[in-house]
Amino acid sequence: MQAALHGAPLRARCPAAPARPHASIRSQMPQDPPSSSSRPSGPPTGDLSIDRRTAFLGMGAASVALAVDLAVGVPVAGAEDMETFFGYATPPTSYGGYGGNADEPPKYKFQYPASWKPQTVNKVQKGTQGIDSIIVNPRNKSSVMFVIALGRAGEDDKSFKLTDVETTFQGFVGADYELQDAVQSASSIARTSREVGGEPFYDYDIDSPNVHVLSTVTVRGGKIFAFIIKVPTRQYESQPGTFKTALTSFRTL
């Protein structure tokens, strides 16, 4: 019974929101605030050019204040709740919510929209694609986030070294026909790299007519991790900040 409980993802709540026992960490992502305007109740008096200059200065001050709020993490009206998922990078034989060591700590974490739901990984997903966890949008199941975690095949005590990022990423693409279609029909593919706490991350941004894909690849503890976000292009275009924040939230532990 202990092993069965371990197969489910750990979820906790962030201090930024009211706590709920055994729930997920919640945070807020800034979005564009609603626009507002004001008019004087009476006719303008004095030099109209001064009034215009004053208005522009006021707008500039408001823009600076908004930028400061975003920089320090002050919630903005219309912000979307996020939750944090903890994953374990369990062995290939662990699937369906079973297997793994119940005392083992999580190996990675990432944020996802609070309305999305974790899904149990099945035998095919785990065994043939190396998928360790999946988060699905219940209102549109073509919108998914998933983590692939792999060690060196048949060599659990050996470390995985990422020497050719492009070849490695294409290997992940080859196991998912939707990713293949996105790459083949892409209007643009952006490849960038960044470093977080000394750990390198290799990011992909794939824009195609039907599906938009974001992915980051890294290596930690002898395993390679690929976090992949796959959503319909229209949905991505309606809230790109949500998915970019989710992508950059991925951390190995």
C-alpha atoms as a PDB file:
ATOM      1  CA  MET A   1       0.000   0.000   0.000  1.00  0.00           C
ATOM      2  CA  GLN A   2       2.905   2.314   0.749  1.00  0.00           C
ATOM      3  CA  ALA A   3       4.313   1.868  -2.771  1.00  0.00           C
ATOM      4  CA  ALA A   4       0.941   2.615  -4.302  1.00  0.00           C
ATOM      5  CA  LEU A   5       0.723   5.948  -2.485  1.00  0.00           C
ATOM      6  CA  HIS A   6       4.220   6.857  -3.607  1.00  0.00           C
ATOM      7  CA  GLY A   7       3.226   6.621  -7.262  1.00  0.00           C
ATOM      8  CA  ALA A   8       0.970   9.677  -6.933  1.00  0.00           C
ATOM      9  CA  PRO A   9       2.543  13.136  -7.269  1.00  0.00           C
ATOM     10  CA  LEU A  10       3.264  15.204  -4.181  1.00  0.00           C
ATOM     11  CA  ARG A  11       1.349  18.464  -4.185  1.00  0.00           C
ATOM     12  CA  ALA A  12       1.609  21.286  -1.658  1.00  0.00           C
ATOM     13  CA  ARG A  13       0.337  24.862  -1.386  1.00  0.00           C
ATOM     14  CA  CYS A  14       2.479  27.976  -1.639  1.00  0.00           C
ATOM     15  CA  PRO A  15       2.487  30.463   1.317  1.00  0.00           C
ATOM     16  CA  ALA A  16       1.251  33.132  -1.080  1.00  0.00           C
ATOM     17  CA  ALA A  17      -2.301  31.734  -0.937  1.00  0.00           C
ATOM     18  CA  PRO A  18      -4.553  30.320   1.823  1.00  0.00           C
ATOM     19  CA  ALA A  19      -3.463  26.826   2.772  1.00  0.00           C
ATOM     20  CA  ARG A  20      -5.546  23.782   1.984  1.00  0.00           C
ATOM     21  CA  PRO A  21      -4.513  20.443   3.568  1.00  0.00           C
ATOM     22  CA  HIS A  22      -2.606  18.204   1.126  1.00  0.00           C
ATOM     23  CA  ALA A  23      -3.270  20.500  -1.807  1.00  0.00           C
ATOM     24  CA  SER A  24      -0.987  21.996  -4.407  1.00  0.00           C
ATOM     25  CA  ILE A  25       1.262  25.000  -4.090  1.00  0.00           C
ATOM     26  CA  ARG A  26      -0.533  27.968  -5.581  1.00  0.00           C
ATOM     27  CA  SER A  27       0.975  31.135  -6.962  1.00  0.00           C
ATOM     28  CA  GLN A  28      -0.138  33.906  -9.270  1.00  0.00           C
ATOM     29  CA  MET A  29       1.157  34.919 -12.647  1.00  0.00           C
ATOM     30  CA  PRO A  30       0.919  38.570 -13.693  1.00  0.00           C
ATOM     31  CA  GLN A  31      -1.120  39.374 -16.741  1.00  0.00           C
ATOM     32  CA  ASP A  32      -1.867  42.691 -18.391  1.00  0.00           C
ATOM     33  CA  PRO A  33      -3.996  44.856 -16.030  1.00  0.00           C
ATOM     34  CA  PRO A  34      -7.332  46.212 -17.298  1.00  0.00           C
ATOM     35  CA  SER A  35      -7.021  49.580 -18.958  1.00  0.00           C
ATOM     36  CA  SER A  36      -8.692  52.581 -17.389  1.00  0.00           C
ATOM     37  CA  SER A  37      -9.243  56.189 -18.360  1.00  0.00           C
ATOM     38  CA  SER A  38     -10.573  59.307 -16.703  1.00  0.00           C
ATOM     39  CA  ARG A  39     -12.047  62.595 -17.914  1.00  0.00           C
ATOM     40  CA  PRO A  40     -12.357  65.900 -16.090  1.00  0.00           C
ATOM     41  CA  SER A  41     -15.937  66.639 -15.099  1.00  0.00           C
ATOM     42  CA  GLY A  42     -15.797  70.250 -16.343  1.00  0.00           C
ATOM     43  CA  PRO A  43     -14.378  72.062 -19.366  1.00  0.00           C
ATOM     44  CA  PRO A  44     -10.569  72.362 -19.529  1.00  0.00           C
ATOM     45  CA  THR A  45      -9.067  75.556 -18.191  1.00  0.00           C
ATOM     46  CA  GLY A  46      -5.682  77.173 -18.741  1.00  0.00           C
ATOM     47  CA  ASP A  47      -3.109  76.105 -21.315  1.00  0.00           C
ATOM     48  CA  LEU A  48      -4.267  72.867 -23.034  1.00  0.00           C
ATOM     49  CA  SER A  49      -0.646  71.922 -23.858  1.00  0.00           C
ATOM     50  CA  ILE A  50       0.162  71.854 -20.161  1.00  0.00           C
ATOM     51  CA  ASP A  51      -2.792  69.544 -19.525  1.00  0.00           C
ATOM     52  CA  ARG A  52      -1.529  67.158 -22.225  1.00  0.00           C
ATOM     53  CA  ARG A  53       1.998  67.226 -20.872  1.00  0.00           C
ATOM     54  CA  THR A  54       0.686  66.523 -17.374  1.00  0.00           C
ATOM     55  CA  ALA A  55      -1.392  63.623 -18.689  1.00  0.00           C
ATOM     56  CA  PHE A  56       1.614  62.047 -20.441  1.00  0.00           C
ATOM     57  CA  LEU A  57       3.714  62.424 -17.303  1.00  0.00           C
ATOM     58  CA  GLY A  58       0.938  60.728 -15.318  1.00  0.00           C
ATOM     59  CA  MET A  59       0.791  57.858 -17.788  1.00  0.00           C
ATOM     60  CA  GLY A  60       4.563  57.429 -17.579  1.00  0.00           C
ATOM     61  CA  ALA A  61       4.449  57.327 -13.789  1.00  0.00           C
ATOM     62  CA  ALA A  62       1.700  54.704 -13.895  1.00  0.00           C
ATOM     63  CA  SER A  63       3.750  52.575 -16.306  1.00  0.00           C
ATOM     64  CA  VAL A  64       6.790  52.747 -14.019  1.00  0.00           C
ATOM     65  CA  ALA A  65       4.644  51.786 -11.014  1.00  0.00           C
ATOM     66  CA  LEU A  66       3.239  48.778 -12.905  1.00  0.00           C
ATOM     67  CA  ALA A  67       6.728  47.662 -13.937  1.00  0.00           C
ATOM     68  CA  VAL A  68       7.877  47.844 -10.314  1.00  0.00           C
ATOM     69  CA  ASP A  69       4.847  45.826  -9.183  1.00  0.00           C
ATOM     70  CA  LEU A  70       5.610  43.097 -11.723  1.00  0.00           C
ATOM     71  CA  ALA A  71       9.297  43.059 -10.776  1.00  0.00           C
ATOM     72  CA  VAL A  72       8.608  42.537  -7.072  1.00  0.00           C
ATOM     73  CA  GLY A  73       5.827  40.015  -7.673  1.00  0.00           C
ATOM     74  CA  VAL A  74       2.817  42.094  -6.620  1.00  0.00           C
ATOM     75  CA  PRO A  75      -0.323  40.301  -7.909  1.00  0.00           C
ATOM     76  CA  VAL A  76      -2.064  42.094 -10.766  1.00  0.00           C
ATOM     77  CA  ALA A  77      -5.796  42.020 -11.437  1.00  0.00           C
ATOM     78  CA  GLY A  78      -6.727  39.026 -13.588  1.00  0.00           C
ATOM     79  CA  ALA A  79      -3.735  36.903 -12.460  1.00  0.00           C
ATOM     80  CA  GLU A  80      -4.100  33.137 -12.936  1.00  0.00           C
ATOM     81  CA  ASP A  81      -3.567  30.588 -10.175  1.00  0.00           C
ATOM     82  CA  MET A  82      -0.757  28.082 -10.611  1.00  0.00           C
ATOM     83  CA  GLU A  83       0.033  24.863  -8.751  1.00  0.00           C
ATOM     84  CA  THR A  84       3.340  23.059  -8.249  1.00  0.00           C
ATOM     85  CA  PHE A  85       3.844  19.418  -9.220  1.00  0.00           C
ATOM     86  CA  PHE A  86       6.588  17.242  -7.692  1.00  0.00           C
ATOM     87  CA  GLY A  87       7.836  14.233  -9.683  1.00  0.00           C
ATOM     88  CA  TYR A  88      10.051  11.252  -8.800  1.00  0.00           C
ATOM     89  CA  ALA A  89      11.699  10.049 -12.022  1.00  0.00           C
ATOM     90  CA  THR A  90      10.757   6.460 -11.139  1.00  0.00           C
ATOM     91  CA  PRO A  91      12.149   3.369 -12.962  1.00  0.00           C
ATOM     92  CA  PRO A  92      10.588   2.169 -16.252  1.00  0.00           C
ATOM     93  CA  THR A  93       8.776  -0.607 -14.370  1.00  0.00           C
ATOM     94  CA  SER A  94       6.870   1.966 -12.301  1.00  0.00           C
ATOM     95  CA  TYR A  95       3.583   3.024 -13.871  1.00  0.00           C
ATOM     96  CA  GLY A  96      -0.129   3.196 -13.139  1.00  0.00           C
ATOM     97  CA  GLY A  97       0.552   4.807  -9.763  1.00  0.00           C
ATOM     98  CA  TYR A  98       2.623   1.868  -8.478  1.00  0.00           C
ATOM     99  CA  GLY A  99       6.311   1.199  -7.964  1.00  0.00           C
ATOM    100  CA  GLY A 100       9.237   3.249  -6.745  1.00  0.00           C
ATOM    101  CA  ASN A 101      10.594   3.835  -3.265  1.00  0.00           C
ATOM    102  CA  ALA A 102       8.087   5.454  -0.892  1.00  0.00           C
ATOM    103  CA  ASP A 103      10.911   7.093   1.105  1.00  0.00           C
ATOM    104  CA  GLU A 104      12.632   8.617  -1.910  1.00  0.00           C
ATOM    105  CA  PRO A 105      12.454  12.434  -2.250  1.00  0.00           C
ATOM    106  CA  PRO A 106      11.116  14.112  -5.420  1.00  0.00           C
ATOM    107  CA  LYS A 107      13.551  14.623  -8.298  1.00  0.00           C
ATOM    108  CA  TYR A 108      11.926  17.604 -10.042  1.00  0.00           C
ATOM    109  CA  LYS A 109       9.124  20.154  -9.861  1.00  0.00           C
ATOM    110  CA  PHE A 110       7.259  22.575 -12.122  1.00  0.00           C
ATOM    111  CA  GLN A 111       4.228  24.848 -12.125  1.00  0.00           C
ATOM    112  CA  TYR A 112       1.032  24.335 -14.109  1.00  0.00           C
ATOM    113  CA  PRO A 113      -2.380  26.088 -14.385  1.00  0.00           C
ATOM    114  CA  ALA A 114      -4.576  25.261 -11.397  1.00  0.00           C
ATOM    115  CA  SER A 115      -7.456  24.185 -13.653  1.00  0.00           C
ATOM    116  CA  TRP A 116      -5.299  21.422 -15.210  1.00  0.00           C
ATOM    117  CA  LYS A 117      -5.134  17.962 -13.628  1.00  0.00           C
ATOM    118  CA  PRO A 118      -2.369  15.343 -13.117  1.00  0.00           C
ATOM    119  CA  GLN A 119      -3.004  12.100 -14.975  1.00  0.00           C
ATOM    120  CA  THR A 120      -1.765   8.597 -14.182  1.00  0.00           C
ATOM    121  CA  VAL A 121       1.022   7.431 -16.510  1.00  0.00           C
ATOM    122  CA  ASN A 122       0.233   4.133 -18.221  1.00  0.00           C
ATOM    123  CA  LYS A 123       2.523   1.241 -19.174  1.00  0.00           C
ATOM    124  CA  VAL A 124       3.004   2.305 -22.801  1.00  0.00           C
ATOM    125  CA  GLN A 125       3.786   5.920 -21.938  1.00  0.00           C
ATOM    126  CA  LYS A 126       6.306   4.897 -19.300  1.00  0.00           C
ATOM    127  CA  GLY A 127       7.874   1.983 -21.137  1.00  0.00           C
ATOM    128  CA  THR A 128       8.139   3.321 -24.695  1.00  0.00           C
ATOM    129  CA  GLN A 129       8.371   7.098 -24.216  1.00  0.00           C
ATOM    130  CA  GLY A 130       9.945   7.366 -20.777  1.00  0.00           C
ATOM    131  CA  ILE A 131       7.153   9.671 -19.587  1.00  0.00           C
ATOM    132  CA  ASP A 132       7.281  10.105 -15.816  1.00  0.00           C
ATOM    133  CA  SER A 133       4.368  12.510 -15.269  1.00  0.00           C
ATOM    134  CA  ILE A 134       1.540  14.128 -17.237  1.00  0.00           C
ATOM    135  CA  ILE A 135      -0.677  17.158 -16.593  1.00  0.00           C
ATOM    136  CA  VAL A 136      -3.773  17.555 -18.802  1.00  0.00           C
ATOM    137  CA  ASN A 137      -6.263  20.345 -19.415  1.00  0.00           C
ATOM    138  CA  PRO A 138      -9.590  18.563 -18.717  1.00  0.00           C
ATOM    139  CA  ARG A 139     -11.464  21.025 -20.969  1.00  0.00           C
ATOM    140  CA  ASN A 140      -9.159  20.323 -23.910  1.00  0.00           C
ATOM    141  CA  LYS A 141      -7.113  17.147 -23.600  1.00  0.00           C
ATOM    142  CA  SER A 142      -4.884  18.103 -26.520  1.00  0.00           C
ATOM    143  CA  SER A 143      -3.327  20.596 -24.089  1.00  0.00           C
ATOM    144  CA  VAL A 144      -0.734  18.686 -22.073  1.00  0.00           C
ATOM    145  CA  MET A 145       2.476  19.072 -20.106  1.00  0.00           C
ATOM    146  CA  PHE A 146       4.674  16.058 -19.459  1.00  0.00           C
ATOM    147  CA  VAL A 147       8.133  15.147 -18.176  1.00  0.00           C
ATOM    148  CA  ILE A 148      10.391  12.536 -19.739  1.00  0.00           C
ATOM    149  CA  ALA A 149      13.046  11.170 -17.380  1.00  0.00           C
ATOM    150  CA  LEU A 150      15.624   8.690 -18.680  1.00  0.00           C
ATOM    151  CA  GLY A 151      18.857   7.076 -17.516  1.00  0.00           C
ATOM    152  CA  ARG A 152      21.271   5.090 -19.669  1.00  0.00           C
ATOM    153  CA  ALA A 153      19.460   2.010 -20.922  1.00  0.00           C
ATOM    154  CA  GLY A 154      20.389  -1.067 -18.902  1.00  0.00           C
ATOM    155  CA  GLU A 155      22.985   0.869 -16.903  1.00  0.00           C
ATOM    156  CA  ASP A 156      21.287   2.297 -13.835  1.00  0.00           C
ATOM    157  CA  ASP A 157      24.618   3.082 -12.179  1.00  0.00           C
ATOM    158  CA  LYS A 158      25.927   5.080 -15.157  1.00  0.00           C
ATOM    159  CA  SER A 159      25.507   8.810 -15.710  1.00  0.00           C
ATOM    160  CA  PHE A 160      23.823  10.267 -18.753  1.00  0.00           C
ATOM    161  CA  LYS A 161      25.908  12.938 -20.497  1.00  0.00           C
ATOM    162  CA  LEU A 162      24.202  15.421 -22.778  1.00  0.00           C
ATOM    163  CA  THR A 163      26.694  15.890 -25.606  1.00  0.00           C
ATOM    164  CA  ASP A 164      24.310  16.521 -28.513  1.00  0.00           C
ATOM    165  CA  VAL A 165      21.174  18.370 -27.430  1.00  0.00           C
ATOM    166  CA  GLU A 166      19.613  18.460 -30.900  1.00  0.00           C
ATOM    167  CA  THR A 167      19.909  14.700 -31.447  1.00  0.00           C
ATOM    168  CA  THR A 168      18.547  14.035 -27.975  1.00  0.00           C
ATOM    169  CA  PHE A 169      15.562  16.323 -28.527  1.00  0.00           C
ATOM    170  CA  GLN A 170      14.828  14.746 -31.914  1.00  0.00           C
ATOM    171  CA  GLY A 171      14.736  11.384 -30.135  1.00  0.00           C
ATOM    172  CA  PHE A 172      11.923  12.671 -27.925  1.00  0.00           C
ATOM    173  CA  VAL A 173      10.139  14.099 -30.968  1.00  0.00           C
ATOM    174  CA  GLY A 174      10.329  10.755 -32.768  1.00  0.00           C
ATOM    175  CA  ALA A 175       8.286   9.087 -30.014  1.00  0.00           C
ATOM    176  CA  ASP A 176       5.339  11.510 -30.341  1.00  0.00           C
ATOM    177  CA  TYR A 177       3.567  11.959 -33.676  1.00  0.00           C
ATOM    178  CA  GLU A 178       2.125  15.353 -32.687  1.00  0.00           C
ATOM    179  CA  LEU A 179       5.613  16.621 -31.890  1.00  0.00           C
ATOM    180  CA  GLN A 180       6.800  15.269 -35.244  1.00  0.00           C
ATOM    181  CA  ASP A 181       4.018  17.127 -37.068  1.00  0.00           C
ATOM    182  CA  ALA A 182       4.772  20.323 -35.157  1.00  0.00           C
ATOM    183  CA  VAL A 183       8.461  20.194 -36.075  1.00  0.00           C
ATOM    184  CA  GLN A 184       7.807  19.326 -39.720  1.00  0.00           C
ATOM    185  CA  SER A 185       5.206  22.068 -40.219  1.00  0.00           C
ATOM    186  CA  ALA A 186       6.865  24.673 -37.975  1.00  0.00           C
ATOM    187  CA  SER A 187       7.009  28.259 -39.195  1.00  0.00           C
ATOM    188  CA  SER A 188       9.801  28.881 -36.680  1.00  0.00           C
ATOM    189  CA  ILE A 189      11.906  26.923 -34.182  1.00  0.00           C
ATOM    190  CA  ALA A 190      13.811  28.944 -31.587  1.00  0.00           C
ATOM    191  CA  ARG A 191      16.656  27.271 -29.695  1.00  0.00           C
ATOM    192  CA  THR A 192      18.100  29.005 -26.635  1.00  0.00           C
ATOM    193  CA  SER A 193      20.075  28.034 -23.542  1.00  0.00           C
ATOM    194  CA  ARG A 194      20.181  29.388 -20.007  1.00  0.00           C
ATOM    195  CA  GLU A 195      21.706  28.495 -16.667  1.00  0.00           C
ATOM    196  CA  VAL A 196      19.922  28.218 -13.320  1.00  0.00           C
ATOM    197  CA  GLY A 197      22.044  27.647 -10.220  1.00  0.00           C
ATOM    198  CA  GLY A 198      24.895  26.388 -12.386  1.00  0.00           C
ATOM    199  CA  GLU A 199      22.654  23.878 -14.184  1.00  0.00           C
ATOM    200  CA  PRO A 200      22.284  24.330 -17.969  1.00  0.00           C
ATOM    201  CA  PHE A 201      18.830  24.249 -19.575  1.00  0.00           C
ATOM    202  CA  TYR A 202      18.287  23.976 -23.335  1.00  0.00           C
ATOM    203  CA  ASP A 203      14.982  25.471 -24.464  1.00  0.00           C
ATOM    204  CA  TYR A 204      12.919  24.945 -27.617  1.00  0.00           C
ATOM    205  CA  ASP A 205      10.037  27.121 -28.838  1.00  0.00           C
ATOM    206  CA  ILE A 206       8.261  25.547 -31.816  1.00  0.00           C
ATOM    207  CA  ASP A 207       5.553  27.539 -33.585  1.00  0.00           C
ATOM    208  CA  SER A 208       3.396  25.567 -36.021  1.00  0.00           C
ATOM    209  CA  PRO A 209      -0.080  26.210 -37.494  1.00  0.00           C
ATOM    210  CA  ASN A 210      -1.918  23.753 -35.234  1.00  0.00           C
ATOM    211  CA  VAL A 211       0.274  23.082 -32.195  1.00  0.00           C
ATOM    212  CA  HIS A 212       2.696  25.216 -30.219  1.00  0.00           C
ATOM    213  CA  VAL A 213       5.431  23.373 -28.333  1.00  0.00           C
ATOM    214  CA  LEU A 214       7.707  24.596 -25.548  1.00  0.00           C
ATOM    215  CA  SER A 215      10.383  22.332 -24.134  1.00  0.00           C
ATOM    216  CA  THR A 216      13.409  22.440 -21.876  1.00  0.00           C
ATOM    217  CA  VAL A 217      16.071  19.734 -21.568  1.00  0.00           C
ATOM    218  CA  THR A 218      18.622  19.260 -18.781  1.00  0.00           C
ATOM    219  CA  VAL A 219      20.671  16.573 -17.005  1.00  0.00           C
ATOM    220  CA  ARG A 220      20.818  15.966 -13.270  1.00  0.00           C
ATOM    221  CA  GLY A 221      21.894  13.019 -11.131  1.00  0.00           C
ATOM    222  CA  GLY A 222      22.805  10.874 -14.144  1.00  0.00           C
ATOM    223  CA  LYS A 223      19.344  11.288 -15.704  1.00  0.00           C
ATOM    224  CA  ILE A 224      18.155  13.382 -18.610  1.00  0.00           C
ATOM    225  CA  PHE A 225      14.966  15.371 -18.112  1.00  0.00           C
ATOM    226  CA  ALA A 226      12.771  16.876 -20.821  1.00  0.00           C
ATOM    227  CA  PHE A 227       9.796  19.010 -19.822  1.00  0.00           C
ATOM    228  CA  ILE A 228       7.433  19.428 -22.783  1.00  0.00           C
ATOM    229  CA  ILE A 229       4.363  21.670 -23.095  1.00  0.00           C
ATOM    230  CA  LYS A 230       2.084  20.989 -26.051  1.00  0.00           C
ATOM    231  CA  VAL A 231      -1.006  23.154 -26.666  1.00  0.00           C
ATOM    232  CA  PRO A 232      -3.161  24.215 -29.627  1.00  0.00           C
ATOM    233  CA  THR A 233      -1.670  27.319 -31.246  1.00  0.00           C
ATOM    234  CA  ARG A 234      -4.772  29.435 -30.622  1.00  0.00           C
ATOM    235  CA  GLN A 235      -4.714  28.638 -26.921  1.00  0.00           C
ATOM    236  CA  TYR A 236      -1.012  29.428 -26.716  1.00  0.00           C
ATOM    237  CA  GLU A 237      -1.498  32.772 -28.434  1.00  0.00           C
ATOM    238  CA  SER A 238      -4.239  33.713 -25.965  1.00  0.00           C
ATOM    239  CA  GLN A 239      -1.966  33.261 -22.918  1.00  0.00           C
ATOM    240  CA  PRO A 240       1.709  32.799 -23.860  1.00  0.00           C
ATOM    241  CA  GLY A 241       2.894  34.104 -20.491  1.00  0.00           C
ATOM    242  CA  THR A 242       1.213  31.224 -18.665  1.00  0.00           C
ATOM    243  CA  PHE A 243       3.067  28.583 -20.643  1.00  0.00           C
ATOM    244  CA  LYS A 244       6.417  30.383 -20.678  1.00  0.00           C
ATOM    245  CA  THR A 245       6.253  30.753 -16.912  1.00  0.00           C
ATOM    246  CA  ALA A 246       5.436  27.047 -16.576  1.00  0.00           C
ATOM    247  CA  LEU A 247       8.414  26.158 -18.779  1.00  0.00           C
ATOM    248  CA  THR A 248      10.947  28.229 -16.840  1.00  0.00           C
ATOM    249  CA  SER A 249       9.564  26.977 -13.521  1.00  0.00           C
ATOM    250  CA  PHE A 250      10.943  23.476 -14.184  1.00  0.00           C
ATOM    251  CA  ARG A 251      13.683  22.587 -11.686  1.00  0.00           C
ATOM    252  CA  THR A 252      15.537  19.409 -10.808  1.00  0.00           C
ATOM    253  CA  LEU A 253      15.888  18.695  -7.094  1.00  0.00           C
END
